N, C-alpha and C. Protein backbone atom coordinates (compact mmCIF):
# COMPACT_ATOMS: atom_id res chain seq x y z
N MET A 1 -15.62 -0.26 7.73
CA MET A 1 -15.15 0.73 6.78
C MET A 1 -15.32 0.21 5.36
N THR A 2 -15.58 1.11 4.46
CA THR A 2 -15.69 0.76 3.05
C THR A 2 -14.29 0.57 2.46
N PRO A 3 -14.19 -0.08 1.30
CA PRO A 3 -12.87 -0.20 0.66
C PRO A 3 -12.21 1.17 0.44
N ARG A 4 -12.98 2.16 0.04
CA ARG A 4 -12.43 3.51 -0.15
C ARG A 4 -11.85 4.05 1.16
N GLU A 5 -12.60 3.91 2.24
CA GLU A 5 -12.14 4.40 3.54
C GLU A 5 -10.88 3.67 4.01
N VAL A 6 -10.84 2.36 3.78
CA VAL A 6 -9.67 1.58 4.18
C VAL A 6 -8.45 2.03 3.38
N PHE A 7 -8.61 2.20 2.06
CA PHE A 7 -7.48 2.67 1.26
C PHE A 7 -6.99 4.02 1.77
N LEU A 8 -7.90 4.96 2.01
CA LEU A 8 -7.50 6.29 2.47
C LEU A 8 -6.80 6.23 3.82
N LYS A 9 -7.26 5.36 4.71
CA LYS A 9 -6.62 5.20 6.02
C LYS A 9 -5.22 4.63 5.86
N LEU A 10 -5.07 3.62 5.01
CA LEU A 10 -3.77 3.01 4.77
C LEU A 10 -2.80 4.04 4.18
N ASN A 11 -3.24 4.75 3.17
CA ASN A 11 -2.36 5.71 2.49
C ASN A 11 -1.99 6.87 3.43
N ALA A 12 -2.94 7.33 4.23
CA ALA A 12 -2.64 8.39 5.19
C ALA A 12 -1.62 7.92 6.23
N ALA A 13 -1.76 6.69 6.69
CA ALA A 13 -0.81 6.16 7.68
C ALA A 13 0.58 6.01 7.07
N ILE A 14 0.65 5.56 5.82
CA ILE A 14 1.96 5.47 5.15
C ILE A 14 2.56 6.87 5.04
N GLY A 15 1.76 7.84 4.69
CA GLY A 15 2.23 9.21 4.57
C GLY A 15 2.65 9.83 5.90
N SER A 16 2.13 9.31 7.02
CA SER A 16 2.47 9.85 8.34
C SER A 16 3.83 9.35 8.81
N ALA A 17 4.37 8.34 8.15
CA ALA A 17 5.65 7.71 8.50
C ALA A 17 5.56 6.85 9.76
N ASP A 18 4.37 6.68 10.34
CA ASP A 18 4.19 5.77 11.47
C ASP A 18 3.56 4.49 10.93
N TRP A 19 4.40 3.52 10.66
CA TRP A 19 3.93 2.28 10.03
C TRP A 19 3.71 1.16 11.04
N SER A 20 3.76 1.49 12.33
CA SER A 20 3.73 0.45 13.36
C SER A 20 2.41 -0.31 13.44
N GLU A 21 1.31 0.28 12.97
CA GLU A 21 0.02 -0.40 13.06
C GLU A 21 -0.62 -0.66 11.70
N LEU A 22 0.13 -0.45 10.62
CA LEU A 22 -0.43 -0.66 9.28
C LEU A 22 -0.96 -2.08 9.10
N HIS A 23 -0.25 -3.06 9.64
CA HIS A 23 -0.65 -4.46 9.47
C HIS A 23 -2.03 -4.75 10.03
N LEU A 24 -2.50 -3.92 10.96
CA LEU A 24 -3.81 -4.14 11.57
C LEU A 24 -4.96 -3.82 10.61
N LEU A 25 -4.66 -3.19 9.49
CA LEU A 25 -5.67 -2.95 8.46
C LEU A 25 -5.88 -4.17 7.57
N TYR A 26 -5.06 -5.21 7.76
CA TYR A 26 -5.10 -6.42 6.93
C TYR A 26 -5.73 -7.58 7.69
N ALA A 27 -6.42 -8.43 6.97
CA ALA A 27 -6.97 -9.67 7.55
C ALA A 27 -5.81 -10.61 7.90
N GLU A 28 -6.07 -11.55 8.80
CA GLU A 28 -5.04 -12.51 9.23
C GLU A 28 -4.41 -13.25 8.05
N ASP A 29 -5.22 -13.57 7.04
CA ASP A 29 -4.73 -14.35 5.90
C ASP A 29 -4.61 -13.51 4.63
N ALA A 30 -4.41 -12.23 4.79
CA ALA A 30 -4.33 -11.32 3.64
C ALA A 30 -3.18 -11.70 2.70
N GLU A 31 -3.36 -11.36 1.46
CA GLU A 31 -2.38 -11.66 0.42
C GLU A 31 -2.01 -10.35 -0.29
N VAL A 32 -0.72 -10.02 -0.30
CA VAL A 32 -0.23 -8.85 -1.01
C VAL A 32 0.62 -9.34 -2.17
N GLU A 33 0.19 -8.99 -3.36
CA GLU A 33 0.93 -9.36 -4.56
C GLU A 33 1.56 -8.10 -5.14
N ILE A 34 2.85 -8.18 -5.37
CA ILE A 34 3.57 -7.09 -6.03
C ILE A 34 4.09 -7.70 -7.33
N PRO A 35 3.35 -7.51 -8.44
CA PRO A 35 3.64 -8.23 -9.67
C PRO A 35 5.08 -8.15 -10.17
N PHE A 36 5.81 -7.11 -9.84
CA PHE A 36 7.18 -7.01 -10.32
C PHE A 36 8.18 -7.51 -9.28
N ARG A 37 7.69 -8.23 -8.31
CA ARG A 37 8.51 -8.84 -7.25
C ARG A 37 8.23 -10.34 -7.30
N PRO A 38 9.22 -11.17 -7.12
CA PRO A 38 9.03 -12.61 -7.33
C PRO A 38 8.14 -13.33 -6.32
N ASP A 39 7.98 -12.78 -5.12
CA ASP A 39 7.19 -13.49 -4.12
C ASP A 39 5.99 -12.65 -3.68
N ARG A 40 5.07 -13.31 -3.03
CA ARG A 40 3.91 -12.63 -2.44
C ARG A 40 4.16 -12.49 -0.95
N ILE A 41 3.44 -11.57 -0.35
CA ILE A 41 3.51 -11.41 1.09
C ILE A 41 2.19 -11.94 1.63
N HIS A 42 2.27 -13.00 2.41
CA HIS A 42 1.04 -13.67 2.86
C HIS A 42 0.93 -13.59 4.38
N GLY A 43 -0.23 -13.13 4.83
CA GLY A 43 -0.55 -13.13 6.25
C GLY A 43 -0.18 -11.83 6.95
N ARG A 44 -0.97 -11.51 7.94
CA ARG A 44 -0.80 -10.25 8.67
C ARG A 44 0.59 -10.13 9.31
N GLU A 45 1.09 -11.22 9.87
CA GLU A 45 2.40 -11.17 10.53
C GLU A 45 3.52 -10.87 9.53
N ARG A 46 3.47 -11.51 8.39
CA ARG A 46 4.48 -11.26 7.35
C ARG A 46 4.35 -9.83 6.82
N ILE A 47 3.14 -9.32 6.71
CA ILE A 47 2.90 -7.94 6.29
C ILE A 47 3.48 -6.98 7.34
N ARG A 48 3.29 -7.30 8.61
CA ARG A 48 3.87 -6.48 9.69
C ARG A 48 5.39 -6.43 9.55
N GLU A 49 5.99 -7.59 9.30
CA GLU A 49 7.45 -7.66 9.13
C GLU A 49 7.91 -6.84 7.93
N HIS A 50 7.14 -6.90 6.84
CA HIS A 50 7.48 -6.13 5.64
C HIS A 50 7.47 -4.63 5.94
N PHE A 51 6.43 -4.15 6.60
CA PHE A 51 6.36 -2.73 6.93
C PHE A 51 7.47 -2.36 7.91
N ALA A 52 7.75 -3.20 8.90
CA ALA A 52 8.79 -2.92 9.89
C ALA A 52 10.17 -2.83 9.23
N LEU A 53 10.39 -3.65 8.22
CA LEU A 53 11.67 -3.64 7.51
C LEU A 53 11.93 -2.30 6.83
N HIS A 54 10.87 -1.67 6.35
CA HIS A 54 11.01 -0.43 5.59
C HIS A 54 10.68 0.83 6.39
N ALA A 55 10.10 0.68 7.56
CA ALA A 55 9.70 1.84 8.37
C ALA A 55 10.91 2.70 8.72
N GLY A 56 10.75 3.99 8.62
CA GLY A 56 11.80 4.92 8.99
C GLY A 56 12.88 5.12 7.94
N ARG A 57 12.86 4.31 6.89
CA ARG A 57 13.87 4.43 5.83
C ARG A 57 13.50 5.49 4.81
N ILE A 58 12.21 5.82 4.74
CA ILE A 58 11.76 6.70 3.68
C ILE A 58 10.46 7.39 4.11
N VAL A 59 10.27 8.60 3.66
CA VAL A 59 9.02 9.32 3.90
C VAL A 59 8.28 9.40 2.57
N LEU A 60 7.09 8.83 2.53
CA LEU A 60 6.27 8.81 1.32
C LEU A 60 5.07 9.73 1.53
N GLU A 61 4.99 10.77 0.74
CA GLU A 61 3.90 11.73 0.87
C GLU A 61 2.93 11.55 -0.30
N PRO A 62 1.69 11.06 -0.02
CA PRO A 62 0.71 10.84 -1.09
C PRO A 62 0.30 12.14 -1.79
N ARG A 63 0.18 12.06 -3.11
CA ARG A 63 -0.23 13.19 -3.94
C ARG A 63 -1.20 12.70 -5.01
N ASP A 64 -2.11 13.55 -5.42
CA ASP A 64 -2.98 13.30 -6.58
C ASP A 64 -3.70 11.94 -6.50
N VAL A 65 -4.28 11.64 -5.36
CA VAL A 65 -4.95 10.36 -5.15
C VAL A 65 -6.29 10.33 -5.89
N GLN A 66 -6.46 9.29 -6.70
CA GLN A 66 -7.72 9.03 -7.40
C GLN A 66 -8.16 7.62 -7.03
N ILE A 67 -9.42 7.48 -6.62
CA ILE A 67 -9.95 6.16 -6.24
C ILE A 67 -11.13 5.86 -7.15
N TYR A 68 -11.10 4.67 -7.73
CA TYR A 68 -12.15 4.26 -8.67
C TYR A 68 -12.91 3.08 -8.09
N ASN A 69 -14.22 3.21 -8.06
CA ASN A 69 -15.08 2.11 -7.65
C ASN A 69 -15.18 1.11 -8.80
N THR A 70 -15.48 -0.11 -8.48
CA THR A 70 -15.65 -1.16 -9.49
C THR A 70 -17.04 -1.77 -9.33
N ASP A 71 -17.38 -2.67 -10.21
CA ASP A 71 -18.66 -3.37 -10.10
C ASP A 71 -18.71 -4.29 -8.89
N ASP A 72 -17.54 -4.66 -8.38
CA ASP A 72 -17.44 -5.50 -7.19
C ASP A 72 -17.39 -4.58 -5.97
N PRO A 73 -18.37 -4.63 -5.07
CA PRO A 73 -18.39 -3.70 -3.93
C PRO A 73 -17.23 -3.87 -2.95
N GLU A 74 -16.48 -4.97 -3.05
CA GLU A 74 -15.33 -5.18 -2.18
C GLU A 74 -14.04 -4.58 -2.75
N VAL A 75 -14.07 -4.16 -4.01
CA VAL A 75 -12.83 -3.78 -4.71
C VAL A 75 -12.82 -2.32 -5.12
N VAL A 76 -11.68 -1.67 -4.85
CA VAL A 76 -11.40 -0.34 -5.39
C VAL A 76 -10.05 -0.39 -6.08
N ILE A 77 -9.89 0.53 -7.01
CA ILE A 77 -8.61 0.71 -7.69
C ILE A 77 -8.16 2.13 -7.39
N ALA A 78 -6.95 2.27 -6.93
CA ALA A 78 -6.43 3.60 -6.58
C ALA A 78 -5.20 3.89 -7.43
N GLU A 79 -5.10 5.15 -7.80
CA GLU A 79 -3.96 5.63 -8.57
C GLU A 79 -3.47 6.90 -7.88
N TRP A 80 -2.18 6.98 -7.61
CA TRP A 80 -1.64 8.14 -6.91
C TRP A 80 -0.14 8.22 -7.12
N LYS A 81 0.43 9.27 -6.57
CA LYS A 81 1.87 9.46 -6.60
C LYS A 81 2.34 9.62 -5.16
N TYR A 82 3.55 9.15 -4.89
CA TYR A 82 4.22 9.46 -3.64
C TYR A 82 5.33 10.45 -3.96
N GLU A 83 5.39 11.52 -3.19
CA GLU A 83 6.53 12.41 -3.32
C GLU A 83 7.59 11.92 -2.35
N VAL A 84 8.78 11.73 -2.89
CA VAL A 84 9.91 11.22 -2.11
C VAL A 84 11.13 12.05 -2.49
N GLY A 85 11.61 12.83 -1.56
CA GLY A 85 12.81 13.62 -1.84
C GLY A 85 12.69 14.48 -3.08
N GLY A 86 11.54 15.06 -3.32
CA GLY A 86 11.34 15.92 -4.47
C GLY A 86 11.03 15.19 -5.76
N ARG A 87 10.99 13.86 -5.71
CA ARG A 87 10.65 13.06 -6.89
C ARG A 87 9.27 12.44 -6.70
N LEU A 88 8.60 12.16 -7.81
CA LEU A 88 7.27 11.55 -7.75
C LEU A 88 7.33 10.10 -8.23
N LEU A 89 6.78 9.20 -7.43
CA LEU A 89 6.69 7.79 -7.77
C LEU A 89 5.25 7.46 -8.12
N GLN A 90 5.02 6.83 -9.25
CA GLN A 90 3.68 6.43 -9.68
C GLN A 90 3.27 5.14 -8.98
N ASN A 91 1.99 5.03 -8.64
CA ASN A 91 1.47 3.85 -7.96
C ASN A 91 0.06 3.55 -8.43
N ILE A 92 -0.23 2.27 -8.52
CA ILE A 92 -1.60 1.80 -8.74
C ILE A 92 -1.79 0.60 -7.82
N GLN A 93 -2.95 0.55 -7.18
CA GLN A 93 -3.24 -0.57 -6.29
C GLN A 93 -4.67 -1.03 -6.53
N VAL A 94 -4.82 -2.34 -6.63
CA VAL A 94 -6.13 -2.96 -6.68
C VAL A 94 -6.32 -3.60 -5.31
N MET A 95 -7.35 -3.16 -4.58
CA MET A 95 -7.53 -3.58 -3.19
C MET A 95 -8.91 -4.21 -2.99
N ARG A 96 -8.90 -5.38 -2.33
CA ARG A 96 -10.15 -6.04 -1.94
C ARG A 96 -10.27 -5.95 -0.43
N VAL A 97 -11.41 -5.44 0.03
CA VAL A 97 -11.67 -5.27 1.46
C VAL A 97 -12.94 -6.03 1.82
N ARG A 98 -12.84 -6.80 2.88
CA ARG A 98 -14.00 -7.56 3.35
C ARG A 98 -14.12 -7.33 4.86
N ASP A 99 -15.29 -6.99 5.32
CA ASP A 99 -15.53 -6.74 6.74
C ASP A 99 -14.55 -5.71 7.31
N GLY A 100 -14.22 -4.70 6.50
CA GLY A 100 -13.38 -3.61 6.96
C GLY A 100 -11.89 -3.88 6.99
N LEU A 101 -11.47 -5.07 6.50
CA LEU A 101 -10.05 -5.42 6.49
C LEU A 101 -9.60 -5.76 5.06
N ILE A 102 -8.36 -5.43 4.77
CA ILE A 102 -7.80 -5.75 3.46
C ILE A 102 -7.56 -7.25 3.39
N VAL A 103 -8.12 -7.91 2.38
CA VAL A 103 -7.91 -9.34 2.21
C VAL A 103 -6.94 -9.63 1.07
N GLU A 104 -6.84 -8.69 0.13
CA GLU A 104 -5.89 -8.89 -0.96
C GLU A 104 -5.62 -7.58 -1.66
N THR A 105 -4.37 -7.42 -2.10
CA THR A 105 -4.01 -6.27 -2.92
C THR A 105 -3.04 -6.71 -4.01
N ARG A 106 -3.09 -5.97 -5.09
CA ARG A 106 -2.06 -6.05 -6.13
C ARG A 106 -1.48 -4.65 -6.22
N ASP A 107 -0.21 -4.53 -5.92
CA ASP A 107 0.45 -3.23 -5.81
C ASP A 107 1.43 -3.03 -6.96
N TYR A 108 1.22 -2.00 -7.72
CA TYR A 108 2.10 -1.65 -8.83
C TYR A 108 2.81 -0.36 -8.48
N HIS A 109 4.07 -0.48 -8.09
CA HIS A 109 4.89 0.68 -7.72
C HIS A 109 6.14 0.68 -8.60
N ASP A 110 6.75 1.82 -8.73
CA ASP A 110 7.99 1.92 -9.49
C ASP A 110 9.15 1.56 -8.56
N HIS A 111 9.39 0.27 -8.40
CA HIS A 111 10.39 -0.21 -7.45
C HIS A 111 11.81 0.15 -7.87
N ARG A 112 12.06 0.22 -9.15
CA ARG A 112 13.39 0.61 -9.64
C ARG A 112 13.70 2.02 -9.16
N GLN A 113 12.76 2.93 -9.37
CA GLN A 113 12.96 4.31 -8.96
C GLN A 113 13.06 4.42 -7.44
N LEU A 114 12.25 3.68 -6.72
CA LEU A 114 12.29 3.69 -5.27
C LEU A 114 13.65 3.20 -4.77
N ALA A 115 14.18 2.14 -5.37
CA ALA A 115 15.50 1.62 -4.99
C ALA A 115 16.58 2.67 -5.23
N GLU A 116 16.49 3.41 -6.33
CA GLU A 116 17.45 4.47 -6.61
C GLU A 116 17.41 5.54 -5.53
N ILE A 117 16.21 5.90 -5.10
CA ILE A 117 16.06 6.93 -4.07
C ILE A 117 16.63 6.43 -2.75
N LEU A 118 16.35 5.18 -2.40
CA LEU A 118 16.86 4.61 -1.14
C LEU A 118 18.38 4.53 -1.13
N ARG A 119 18.97 4.26 -2.28
CA ARG A 119 20.44 4.19 -2.38
C ARG A 119 21.07 5.58 -2.27
N GLY A 120 20.27 6.62 -2.55
CA GLY A 120 20.79 8.00 -2.49
C GLY A 120 21.49 8.30 -3.73
């Protein structure tokens, strides 16, 4: 799969609320960086745990997805919104895909707003 196809598959799966196999889109040694979070998520197993921790707590519906190609054929930049309980959360992700698997991402999400929604 191309980086664009991998991003679309990941985002569609998140939107479906079935997060049980999301980690399978990531390489064994994948690195997820969330710049506004103090730690990184390293490795497919840790990514699986991260998704499992949040699965079922929230329904994220992708809206207004824009995907931008870069000069690097492994990298795409995506910009979109998630609709959550009638509110829109802004997101940007820089994703590197190699051999059809995500090897690294930098995820920029509005975590403050997401935390507010989760608290109700």
